[in-house]
Protein backbone atom coordinates (compact mmCIF):
# COMPACT_ATOMS: atom_id res chain seq x y z
CA MET A 1 10.10 11.99 32.80
CA ASP A 2 13.51 9.21 32.41
CA VAL A 3 13.04 7.76 29.03
CA THR A 4 16.39 6.48 28.85
CA ASN A 5 14.90 2.80 29.81
CA ARG A 6 12.33 2.43 28.08
CA THR A 7 11.46 0.43 24.92
CA PRO A 8 10.37 2.34 21.90
CA TRP A 9 6.34 1.82 20.99
CA LEU A 10 6.44 -0.15 17.59
CA LEU A 11 3.75 0.24 14.92
CA PRO A 12 2.01 -2.80 14.10
CA THR A 13 3.65 -6.79 12.81
CA SER A 14 0.67 -6.35 10.09
CA CYS A 15 -0.57 -3.61 8.64
CA GLU A 16 -4.06 -4.68 8.84
CA ALA A 17 -4.08 -2.74 12.13
CA ALA A 18 -3.33 0.88 11.36
CA THR A 19 -4.50 3.14 8.71
CA PRO A 20 -1.28 3.62 5.74
CA ASN A 21 -1.15 7.86 6.85
CA THR A 22 -0.79 6.50 10.75
CA THR A 23 2.41 8.68 11.81
CA VAL A 24 4.04 8.22 15.81
CA GLY A 25 3.03 12.31 15.62
CA GLU A 26 -0.44 11.64 15.22
CA LEU A 27 -0.81 8.98 17.67
CA TYR A 28 0.73 11.89 20.41
CA ASN A 29 -1.94 14.15 18.87
CA GLN A 30 -5.15 11.84 19.60
CA ARG A 31 -3.23 11.63 22.76
CA LEU A 32 -4.02 15.35 23.70
CA GLN A 33 -7.57 14.99 22.13
CA ASN A 34 -8.18 13.27 25.96
CA GLN A 35 -7.66 9.42 24.92
CA SER A 36 -5.64 7.27 26.95
CA LEU A 37 -2.27 6.20 25.49
CA GLU A 38 -3.29 3.01 26.12
CA ASP A 39 -6.75 2.86 23.84
CA ILE A 40 -4.77 4.23 21.35
CA VAL A 41 -2.82 1.35 21.39
CA ILE A 42 -4.88 -0.86 21.42
CA LYS A 43 -7.03 0.56 18.79
CA LEU A 44 -4.35 0.17 15.93
CA GLY A 45 -2.53 -2.37 16.99
CA ILE A 46 0.62 -1.53 18.58
CA THR A 47 2.83 -3.30 20.34
CA ARG A 48 5.57 -2.72 23.21
CA GLN A 49 8.00 -5.58 22.45
CA VAL A 50 11.61 -6.53 22.50
CA GLY A 51 12.99 -9.82 20.67
CA SER A 52 15.36 -11.84 21.73
CA SER A 53 17.92 -9.87 20.95
CA GLY A 54 16.76 -7.31 23.00
CA GLU A 55 16.34 -4.86 19.38
CA PRO A 56 12.39 -4.81 18.69
CA PRO A 57 11.32 -7.19 15.79
CA ARG A 58 11.29 -5.78 12.11
CA SER A 59 7.54 -4.82 10.83
CA ASN A 60 6.28 -6.29 8.07
CA CYS A 61 4.97 -2.69 7.15
CA ARG A 62 7.60 -1.20 4.84
CA GLY A 63 8.83 2.01 6.47
CA GLY A 64 9.18 5.21 4.68
CA GLY A 65 10.60 7.02 6.56
CA VAL A 66 10.46 7.33 10.71
CA GLY A 67 7.14 6.95 11.57
CA LYS A 68 5.58 6.92 8.49
CA LEU A 69 3.77 3.21 6.64
CA GLN A 70 4.40 3.00 3.05
CA HIS A 71 1.24 2.02 0.66
CA GLN A 72 1.60 -1.39 -1.44
CA CYS A 73 0.47 -1.94 -4.64
CA PRO A 74 -1.70 -5.09 -4.53
CA TYR A 75 -1.07 -5.58 -7.75
CA CYS A 76 2.84 -5.34 -8.34
CA LYS A 77 5.82 -4.60 -5.94
CA TYR A 78 5.20 -0.76 -6.11
CA SER A 79 5.53 1.36 -2.33
CA THR A 80 5.01 4.78 -1.95
CA VAL A 81 4.26 6.96 1.40
CA ARG A 82 1.98 9.10 -0.77
CA LYS A 83 -1.15 8.15 -0.79
CA ASP A 84 -1.68 10.53 -4.16
CA HIS A 85 1.51 8.31 -6.30
CA PHE A 86 -0.35 5.36 -4.69
CA THR A 87 -4.07 6.17 -6.06
CA LYS A 88 -2.37 7.25 -9.57
CA HIS A 89 -0.26 4.30 -9.58
CA VAL A 90 -2.93 1.88 -8.80
CA ARG A 91 -5.09 3.20 -11.60
CA THR A 92 -2.42 2.48 -14.01
CA HIS A 93 -3.46 -1.84 -13.12
CA THR A 94 -6.62 -0.80 -13.28
CA GLY A 95 -7.62 1.24 -15.86
CA GLU A 96 -10.04 3.50 -13.81
CA LYS A 97 -10.86 7.16 -15.25
CA PRO A 98 -12.24 9.31 -12.97
CA PHE A 99 -11.51 12.37 -14.56
CA THR A 100 -13.11 14.11 -17.67
CA CYS A 101 -13.27 16.11 -20.28
CA SER A 102 -15.99 18.79 -20.20
CA PHE A 103 -15.03 20.24 -23.79
CA CYS A 104 -15.12 15.79 -25.55
CA CYS A 105 -15.63 12.50 -23.73
CA TYR A 106 -11.71 11.82 -23.11
CA ARG A 107 -11.50 10.41 -19.65
CA ALA A 108 -7.96 10.82 -18.15
CA ALA A 109 -6.33 8.37 -14.82
CA SER A 110 -4.91 12.07 -13.63
CA LYS A 111 -5.74 15.91 -13.30
CA ASP A 112 -2.79 16.83 -14.65
CA ASN A 113 -3.07 14.58 -17.07
CA LEU A 114 -6.74 15.79 -17.73
CA LYS A 115 -5.47 19.90 -17.55
CA LEU A 116 -2.83 18.80 -20.40
CA HIS A 117 -5.49 18.49 -22.65
CA ILE A 118 -7.83 20.80 -22.57
CA ARG A 119 -4.87 23.17 -23.57
CA THR A 120 -5.69 20.84 -26.63
CA HIS A 121 -9.00 22.82 -26.70
CA THR A 122 -8.64 26.23 -25.04
CA GLY A 123 -5.50 26.33 -27.32
CA GLU A 124 -3.22 27.23 -24.23
CA LYS A 125 0.14 27.18 -24.56
CA PRO A 126 2.12 28.51 -21.21
CA PHE A 127 5.74 27.27 -22.06
CA SER A 128 7.53 30.01 -24.72
CA CYS A 129 11.05 29.33 -25.97
CA PRO A 130 13.51 31.54 -25.03
CA TYR A 131 15.47 31.31 -28.66
CA CYS A 132 12.18 32.03 -30.69
CA HIS A 133 8.49 32.88 -30.58
CA PHE A 134 7.60 28.98 -30.35
CA ARG A 135 5.26 28.06 -27.57
CA ALA A 136 4.00 24.72 -26.35
CA ALA A 137 1.57 23.24 -24.55
CA ARG A 138 3.50 20.88 -22.71
CA LYS A 139 7.08 21.40 -21.01
CA ASP A 140 8.42 18.45 -22.85
CA SER A 141 7.40 19.58 -26.08
CA LEU A 142 9.13 22.43 -25.38
CA GLN A 143 12.36 20.84 -24.88
CA VAL A 144 12.43 18.40 -27.61
CA HIS A 145 12.19 22.17 -30.13
CA ILE A 146 14.86 24.06 -27.62
CA ARG A 147 17.14 20.73 -29.31
CA ILE A 148 16.66 22.35 -32.84
CA HIS A 149 18.52 25.85 -31.58
CA THR A 150 21.06 23.73 -29.24
CA GLY A 151 22.29 21.01 -31.21
CA GLU A 152 21.89 18.24 -28.88
CA LYS A 153 21.10 15.28 -30.14
CA PRO A 154 20.46 12.88 -27.13
CA TYR A 155 19.19 9.37 -28.94
CA ALA A 156 22.84 7.73 -29.88
CA CYS A 157 21.82 4.41 -32.39
CA PRO A 158 24.09 1.69 -31.15
CA LYS A 159 25.31 0.31 -35.08
CA CYS A 160 26.20 3.84 -36.26
CA PRO A 161 26.66 7.06 -35.47
CA TYR A 162 23.52 8.56 -36.23
CA ARG A 163 22.05 10.62 -33.49
CA SER A 164 19.04 12.26 -32.97
CA SER A 165 17.24 14.44 -30.58
CA GLN A 166 13.47 12.81 -31.33
CA ARG A 167 13.29 9.38 -29.69
CA ASN A 168 10.98 8.51 -32.37
CA ALA A 169 13.62 9.42 -35.33
CA LEU A 170 15.75 7.47 -33.60
CA ILE A 171 13.12 4.33 -33.26
CA SER A 172 12.67 4.43 -37.70
CA HIS A 173 16.29 4.92 -38.33
CA MET A 174 16.76 1.80 -36.14
CA LEU A 175 13.79 0.52 -37.98
CA LYS A 176 16.22 0.36 -40.97
CA HIS A 177 19.26 -1.64 -39.30
CA ARG A 178 16.27 -4.31 -39.19
CA SER A 179 15.26 -4.69 -42.45
CA ILE A 180 18.40 -4.00 -44.06
CA GLU A 181 20.19 -6.27 -41.73
CA GLN A 182 17.00 -8.97 -43.07
CA ASN A 183 17.27 -7.95 -46.74
CA GLY A 184 20.94 -8.62 -46.62
CA GLN A 185 22.47 -5.54 -47.74
CA GLY A 186 24.35 -2.94 -46.01
CA ILE A 187 23.41 0.99 -45.31
CA ALA A 188 24.38 3.51 -48.32
């Protein structure tokens, strides 16, 4: 079959006609399931068009790769091709927390956050320090602990040479600058 002079099939110019996960490959799979290509094209609202310049018109759908539709947040400008990332993001706006702790009344927006919380009940600490016997329930807690051994202090004060290994310590330090500036005193 000669395809050199064929116009490409385009995803619909309105995302309402196709599902967010529709890919070009899925269209071909549907065709193989004894459906005619024309039926699939009509069902999904796909058009075969050429613009005035000879180029296919751009779709209003935000593409995140060849043949993939993006999920657009209805509350902000966030978009992603991953449905699981989209669902997790929308929960930041809606406050939905469908995952419930079986030990207490804690609710979480994601399974991962619930898993981290459950470790407070079980005492599980899967992350261990390579320098000492310290163990942590969370990877980020271990990373902060390791700075004790390495001497790393990534948080720097913009007003003086002070540096800290923890963000909260820098915030406390900067509040001292603010307090001193309001009282008109210098740092001791």
